[in-house]
């Protein structure tokens, strides 16, 4: 999301539309992964109803190792 749009509800609206579309396609659950150190991202997704499903990693990106929080929510 463009930083200039953060805090205005644009991401929440976009997610709502996307999740609605997924439902029309027969999906009943969404999972996504967030870097464990991304506290702001984790907070956003938890606010959208996601809960921790499992942890993953470490995953190497460049020279850094990242732990991932895999979050899930029903549709």
Protein backbone atom coordinates (compact mmCIF):
# COMPACT_ATOMS: atom_id res chain seq x y z
CA UNK A 1 0.00 0.00 0.00
CA UNK A 2 1.29 3.44 -0.87
CA UNK A 3 2.44 5.09 2.38
CA UNK A 4 0.41 8.19 1.47
CA UNK A 5 -2.77 6.10 1.68
CA UNK A 6 -2.02 4.40 4.99
CA UNK A 7 -4.47 4.99 7.80
CA UNK A 8 -7.30 5.98 5.46
CA UNK A 9 -9.03 2.60 5.19
CA UNK A 10 -7.89 1.92 1.62
CA UNK A 11 -6.13 -1.37 2.45
CA UNK A 12 -9.08 -2.56 4.53
CA UNK A 13 -11.49 -1.79 1.66
CA UNK A 14 -9.22 -3.47 -0.89
CA UNK A 15 -8.94 -6.59 1.29
CA UNK A 16 -12.70 -6.68 1.83
CA UNK A 17 -13.32 -6.58 -1.92
CA UNK A 18 -10.65 -9.20 -2.61
CA UNK A 19 -11.94 -11.53 0.11
CA UNK A 20 -15.46 -11.14 -1.26
CA UNK A 21 -14.22 -12.10 -4.72
CA UNK A 22 -12.33 -15.12 -3.32
CA UNK A 23 -15.58 -16.29 -1.74
CA UNK A 24 -17.35 -16.13 -5.09
CA UNK A 25 -14.58 -18.35 -6.46
CA UNK A 26 -15.28 -21.02 -3.83
CA UNK A 27 -12.54 -20.20 -1.33
CA UNK A 28 -13.46 -20.65 2.33
CA UNK A 29 -10.15 -19.65 3.96
CA UNK A 30 -7.26 -17.26 3.38
CA UNK A 31 -3.67 -17.73 4.58
CA UNK A 32 -0.81 -15.28 4.28
CA UNK A 33 2.67 -14.87 5.70
CA UNK A 34 4.08 -11.81 7.44
CA UNK A 35 7.64 -11.24 8.61
CA UNK A 36 7.57 -11.73 12.39
CA UNK A 37 9.43 -8.43 12.85
CA UNK A 38 6.76 -6.52 10.89
CA UNK A 39 4.70 -5.50 13.93
CA UNK A 40 2.64 -2.97 11.98
CA UNK A 41 1.76 -5.54 9.31
CA UNK A 42 0.87 -8.16 11.91
CA UNK A 43 -1.38 -5.66 13.69
CA UNK A 44 -3.14 -4.79 10.42
CA UNK A 45 -3.85 -8.42 9.51
CA UNK A 46 -4.97 -9.27 13.02
CA UNK A 47 -7.40 -6.35 12.74
CA UNK A 48 -8.79 -8.01 9.59
CA UNK A 49 -9.61 -11.14 11.59
CA UNK A 50 -6.48 -13.18 10.95
CA UNK A 51 -5.01 -15.38 13.66
CA UNK A 52 -1.74 -17.26 13.90
CA UNK A 53 -1.89 -20.62 12.11
CA UNK A 54 1.79 -21.52 12.36
CA UNK A 55 5.30 -20.13 12.16
CA UNK A 56 7.70 -20.78 9.31
CA UNK A 57 11.30 -20.13 8.47
CA UNK A 58 13.84 -18.99 8.76
CA UNK A 59 13.73 -17.80 5.16
CA UNK A 60 16.80 -16.17 3.64
CA UNK A 61 16.21 -12.92 1.80
CA UNK A 62 19.50 -11.42 0.78
CA UNK A 63 21.86 -11.94 3.70
CA UNK A 64 19.15 -11.76 6.35
CA UNK A 65 17.16 -14.63 7.86
CA UNK A 66 13.47 -13.99 8.52
CA UNK A 67 10.92 -15.82 10.64
CA UNK A 68 7.40 -15.80 9.25
CA UNK A 69 4.05 -15.75 10.97
CA UNK A 70 1.51 -17.59 8.83
CA UNK A 71 -1.90 -16.11 9.54
CA UNK A 72 -5.31 -17.47 8.52
CA UNK A 73 -8.97 -16.50 8.61
CA UNK A 74 -12.17 -18.02 7.32
CA UNK A 75 -14.10 -16.21 4.61
